[in-house]
């Protein structure tokens, strides 16, 4: 492994940590946690079962179950009947959840605009392309696409 590779890995971890902290701050400003924000976002387009949401987010089913139960208790989400599997209900957003998601997403978009103002779009695209290639290699190495 070259020194540049090791430095890139360290930079990715550092950036991920900083972005997680920023995500927690952004979510907290709207009364959410980052985990709750991610689950709301995951089920915003189409209702999903807890295992489907866990796969989409690349985390354990138990973790998503806990967050989903919190969202339901706080009336940001609700469980709906699943015609394909009676034992695995669909998690869906309530109007309150839709409003909170819209507010936190708008807040994040404003922060991202400010954060990336000094970085040209072509540099962002090139960085993203490199990360996507790295993710594809990680999938290939793990042996299962989408395992993350």
C-alpha atoms as a PDB file:
ATOM      1  CA  UNK A   1       0.000   0.000   0.000  1.00  0.00           C
ATOM      2  CA  UNK A   2       1.425   3.374  -0.962  1.00  0.00           C
ATOM      3  CA  UNK A   3       1.655   6.300   1.430  1.00  0.00           C
ATOM      4  CA  UNK A   4      -0.943   8.106  -0.702  1.00  0.00           C
ATOM      5  CA  UNK A   5      -3.381   5.223  -0.309  1.00  0.00           C
ATOM      6  CA  UNK A   6      -2.971   5.216   3.469  1.00  0.00           C
ATOM      7  CA  UNK A   7      -3.415   8.990   3.559  1.00  0.00           C
ATOM      8  CA  UNK A   8      -6.538   8.768   1.369  1.00  0.00           C
ATOM      9  CA  UNK A   9      -8.074   6.176   3.708  1.00  0.00           C
ATOM     10  CA  UNK A  10      -7.300   8.383   6.712  1.00  0.00           C
ATOM     11  CA  UNK A  11      -8.824  11.397   4.922  1.00  0.00           C
ATOM     12  CA  UNK A  12     -11.999   9.456   4.057  1.00  0.00           C
ATOM     13  CA  UNK A  13     -12.423   8.425   7.707  1.00  0.00           C
ATOM     14  CA  UNK A  14     -11.790  11.990   8.868  1.00  0.00           C
ATOM     15  CA  UNK A  15     -14.290  13.382   6.352  1.00  0.00           C
ATOM     16  CA  UNK A  16     -16.868  10.741   7.309  1.00  0.00           C
ATOM     17  CA  UNK A  17     -16.535  11.670  10.977  1.00  0.00           C
ATOM     18  CA  UNK A  18     -16.839  15.384  10.277  1.00  0.00           C
ATOM     19  CA  UNK A  19     -19.865  14.814   8.029  1.00  0.00           C
ATOM     20  CA  UNK A  20     -21.487  12.621  10.712  1.00  0.00           C
ATOM     21  CA  UNK A  21     -21.017  15.394  13.281  1.00  0.00           C
ATOM     22  CA  UNK A  22     -22.461  17.938  10.847  1.00  0.00           C
ATOM     23  CA  UNK A  23     -25.385  15.594  10.148  1.00  0.00           C
ATOM     24  CA  UNK A  24     -26.090  15.240  13.872  1.00  0.00           C
ATOM     25  CA  UNK A  25     -26.053  19.038  14.289  1.00  0.00           C
ATOM     26  CA  UNK A  26     -28.327  19.502  11.287  1.00  0.00           C
ATOM     27  CA  UNK A  27     -30.784  16.865  12.468  1.00  0.00           C
ATOM     28  CA  UNK A  28     -30.753  18.151  16.055  1.00  0.00           C
ATOM     29  CA  UNK A  29     -31.734  21.641  14.854  1.00  0.00           C
ATOM     30  CA  UNK A  30     -34.996  20.048  13.662  1.00  0.00           C
ATOM     31  CA  UNK A  31     -35.500  17.853  16.738  1.00  0.00           C
ATOM     32  CA  UNK A  32     -34.173  14.665  15.125  1.00  0.00           C
ATOM     33  CA  UNK A  33     -31.110  12.468  15.365  1.00  0.00           C
ATOM     34  CA  UNK A  34     -29.138  11.608  12.265  1.00  0.00           C
ATOM     35  CA  UNK A  35     -30.335   7.995  12.541  1.00  0.00           C
ATOM     36  CA  UNK A  36     -33.980   9.094  12.609  1.00  0.00           C
ATOM     37  CA  UNK A  37     -33.345  11.439   9.675  1.00  0.00           C
ATOM     38  CA  UNK A  38     -31.783   8.607   7.666  1.00  0.00           C
ATOM     39  CA  UNK A  39     -34.690   6.249   8.333  1.00  0.00           C
ATOM     40  CA  UNK A  40     -37.265   8.934   7.473  1.00  0.00           C
ATOM     41  CA  UNK A  41     -35.383   9.565   4.249  1.00  0.00           C
ATOM     42  CA  UNK A  42     -35.119   5.850   3.416  1.00  0.00           C
ATOM     43  CA  UNK A  43     -38.887   5.341   3.633  1.00  0.00           C
ATOM     44  CA  UNK A  44     -39.878   8.714   2.152  1.00  0.00           C
ATOM     45  CA  UNK A  45     -40.301   7.561  -1.450  1.00  0.00           C
ATOM     46  CA  UNK A  46     -41.830   4.159  -0.809  1.00  0.00           C
ATOM     47  CA  UNK A  47     -42.815   2.502   2.461  1.00  0.00           C
ATOM     48  CA  UNK A  48     -40.341  -0.228   3.406  1.00  0.00           C
ATOM     49  CA  UNK A  49     -40.216  -3.030   5.914  1.00  0.00           C
ATOM     50  CA  UNK A  50     -37.621  -2.699   8.656  1.00  0.00           C
ATOM     51  CA  UNK A  51     -35.355  -5.332   7.000  1.00  0.00           C
ATOM     52  CA  UNK A  52     -35.625  -3.508   3.651  1.00  0.00           C
ATOM     53  CA  UNK A  53     -34.724  -0.179   5.282  1.00  0.00           C
ATOM     54  CA  UNK A  54     -31.807  -1.833   7.080  1.00  0.00           C
ATOM     55  CA  UNK A  55     -30.457  -3.244   3.809  1.00  0.00           C
ATOM     56  CA  UNK A  56     -30.850   0.113   2.065  1.00  0.00           C
ATOM     57  CA  UNK A  57     -28.958   1.896   4.851  1.00  0.00           C
ATOM     58  CA  UNK A  58     -26.380  -0.856   5.339  1.00  0.00           C
ATOM     59  CA  UNK A  59     -27.015  -1.336   9.053  1.00  0.00           C
ATOM     60  CA  UNK A  60     -28.486  -4.035  11.260  1.00  0.00           C
ATOM     61  CA  UNK A  61     -32.198  -4.790  11.295  1.00  0.00           C
ATOM     62  CA  UNK A  62     -32.199  -4.434  15.085  1.00  0.00           C
ATOM     63  CA  UNK A  63     -30.813  -0.900  14.851  1.00  0.00           C
ATOM     64  CA  UNK A  64     -33.467   0.138  12.339  1.00  0.00           C
ATOM     65  CA  UNK A  65     -36.194  -1.554  14.387  1.00  0.00           C
ATOM     66  CA  UNK A  66     -35.256   0.536  17.418  1.00  0.00           C
ATOM     67  CA  UNK A  67     -35.200   3.766  15.382  1.00  0.00           C
ATOM     68  CA  UNK A  68     -38.451   2.874  13.594  1.00  0.00           C
ATOM     69  CA  UNK A  69     -40.181   2.217  16.914  1.00  0.00           C
ATOM     70  CA  UNK A  70     -38.952   5.607  18.178  1.00  0.00           C
ATOM     71  CA  UNK A  71     -40.265   7.323  15.038  1.00  0.00           C
ATOM     72  CA  UNK A  72     -43.654   5.658  15.464  1.00  0.00           C
ATOM     73  CA  UNK A  73     -43.800   6.602  19.167  1.00  0.00           C
ATOM     74  CA  UNK A  74     -42.980  10.219  18.240  1.00  0.00           C
ATOM     75  CA  UNK A  75     -45.629  10.134  15.461  1.00  0.00           C
ATOM     76  CA  UNK A  76     -43.102  10.810  12.671  1.00  0.00           C
ATOM     77  CA  UNK A  77     -43.910   7.425  11.121  1.00  0.00           C
ATOM     78  CA  UNK A  78     -46.505   4.673  11.300  1.00  0.00           C
ATOM     79  CA  UNK A  79     -46.656   0.984  10.543  1.00  0.00           C
ATOM     80  CA  UNK A  80     -48.975  -0.021   7.711  1.00  0.00           C
ATOM     81  CA  UNK A  81     -50.205  -3.437   6.647  1.00  0.00           C
ATOM     82  CA  UNK A  82     -47.928  -5.189   4.183  1.00  0.00           C
ATOM     83  CA  UNK A  83     -49.948  -7.114   1.578  1.00  0.00           C
ATOM     84  CA  UNK A  84     -46.868  -9.218   0.745  1.00  0.00           C
ATOM     85  CA  UNK A  85     -45.986 -10.251   4.306  1.00  0.00           C
ATOM     86  CA  UNK A  86     -48.399 -10.004   7.226  1.00  0.00           C
ATOM     87  CA  UNK A  87     -45.639 -10.353   9.819  1.00  0.00           C
ATOM     88  CA  UNK A  88     -43.486  -7.542   8.431  1.00  0.00           C
ATOM     89  CA  UNK A  89     -45.376  -4.239   8.313  1.00  0.00           C
ATOM     90  CA  UNK A  90     -44.357  -1.324   6.141  1.00  0.00           C
ATOM     91  CA  UNK A  91     -42.895   1.791   7.733  1.00  0.00           C
ATOM     92  CA  UNK A  92     -44.453   4.915   6.272  1.00  0.00           C
ATOM     93  CA  UNK A  93     -44.180   8.628   7.029  1.00  0.00           C
ATOM     94  CA  UNK A  94     -46.919  10.542   8.776  1.00  0.00           C
ATOM     95  CA  UNK A  95     -47.624  14.154   7.791  1.00  0.00           C
ATOM     96  CA  UNK A  96     -45.516  15.198  10.805  1.00  0.00           C
ATOM     97  CA  UNK A  97     -42.655  13.020   9.540  1.00  0.00           C
ATOM     98  CA  UNK A  98     -42.953  14.438   6.023  1.00  0.00           C
ATOM     99  CA  UNK A  99     -42.798  18.003   7.393  1.00  0.00           C
ATOM    100  CA  UNK A 100     -39.784  17.262   9.595  1.00  0.00           C
ATOM    101  CA  UNK A 101     -37.972  15.523   6.756  1.00  0.00           C
ATOM    102  CA  UNK A 102     -38.641  18.458   4.429  1.00  0.00           C
ATOM    103  CA  UNK A 103     -37.308  20.938   7.002  1.00  0.00           C
ATOM    104  CA  UNK A 104     -34.143  18.990   7.812  1.00  0.00           C
ATOM    105  CA  UNK A 105     -33.489  18.318   4.110  1.00  0.00           C
ATOM    106  CA  UNK A 106     -33.823  22.032   3.285  1.00  0.00           C
ATOM    107  CA  UNK A 107     -31.508  22.894   6.176  1.00  0.00           C
ATOM    108  CA  UNK A 108     -28.954  20.352   4.928  1.00  0.00           C
ATOM    109  CA  UNK A 109     -29.146  21.690   1.359  1.00  0.00           C
ATOM    110  CA  UNK A 110     -28.346  25.203   2.617  1.00  0.00           C
ATOM    111  CA  UNK A 111     -25.421  23.917   4.665  1.00  0.00           C
ATOM    112  CA  UNK A 112     -24.098  21.890   1.722  1.00  0.00           C
ATOM    113  CA  UNK A 113     -24.333  24.894  -0.598  1.00  0.00           C
ATOM    114  CA  UNK A 114     -22.232  26.923   1.849  1.00  0.00           C
ATOM    115  CA  UNK A 115     -19.836  24.068   2.543  1.00  0.00           C
ATOM    116  CA  UNK A 116     -19.165  23.335  -1.126  1.00  0.00           C
ATOM    117  CA  UNK A 117     -19.252  26.925  -2.420  1.00  0.00           C
ATOM    118  CA  UNK A 118     -15.467  27.066  -2.787  1.00  0.00           C
ATOM    119  CA  UNK A 119     -15.161  23.677  -4.506  1.00  0.00           C
ATOM    120  CA  UNK A 120     -15.870  23.663  -8.269  1.00  0.00           C
ATOM    121  CA  UNK A 121     -18.626  21.303  -9.459  1.00  0.00           C
ATOM    122  CA  UNK A 122     -16.206  19.403 -11.705  1.00  0.00           C
ATOM    123  CA  UNK A 123     -13.988  18.677  -8.693  1.00  0.00           C
ATOM    124  CA  UNK A 124     -16.992  17.392  -6.741  1.00  0.00           C
ATOM    125  CA  UNK A 125     -17.990  15.185  -9.705  1.00  0.00           C
ATOM    126  CA  UNK A 126     -14.456  13.809 -10.068  1.00  0.00           C
ATOM    127  CA  UNK A 127     -14.198  13.066  -6.345  1.00  0.00           C
ATOM    128  CA  UNK A 128     -17.562  11.350  -6.385  1.00  0.00           C
ATOM    129  CA  UNK A 129     -16.554   9.265  -9.420  1.00  0.00           C
ATOM    130  CA  UNK A 130     -13.408   8.148  -7.601  1.00  0.00           C
ATOM    131  CA  UNK A 131     -15.382   7.231  -4.481  1.00  0.00           C
ATOM    132  CA  UNK A 132     -17.930   5.303  -6.559  1.00  0.00           C
ATOM    133  CA  UNK A 133     -15.050   3.312  -8.150  1.00  0.00           C
ATOM    134  CA  UNK A 134     -13.655   2.619  -4.677  1.00  0.00           C
ATOM    135  CA  UNK A 135     -17.090   1.465  -3.480  1.00  0.00           C
ATOM    136  CA  UNK A 136     -17.411  -0.837  -6.505  1.00  0.00           C
ATOM    137  CA  UNK A 137     -14.014  -2.358  -5.672  1.00  0.00           C
ATOM    138  CA  UNK A 138     -15.081  -2.806  -2.055  1.00  0.00           C
ATOM    139  CA  UNK A 139     -18.256  -4.580  -3.234  1.00  0.00           C
ATOM    140  CA  UNK A 140     -16.167  -6.802  -5.520  1.00  0.00           C
ATOM    141  CA  UNK A 141     -13.762  -7.547  -2.664  1.00  0.00           C
ATOM    142  CA  UNK A 142     -16.609  -8.386  -0.285  1.00  0.00           C
ATOM    143  CA  UNK A 143     -18.117 -10.644  -2.929  1.00  0.00           C
ATOM    144  CA  UNK A 144     -21.618  -9.226  -2.736  1.00  0.00           C
ATOM    145  CA  UNK A 145     -22.736  -6.055  -4.444  1.00  0.00           C
ATOM    146  CA  UNK A 146     -24.682  -3.822  -2.128  1.00  0.00           C
ATOM    147  CA  UNK A 147     -23.493  -5.601   1.011  1.00  0.00           C
ATOM    148  CA  UNK A 148     -22.725  -2.283   2.637  1.00  0.00           C
END
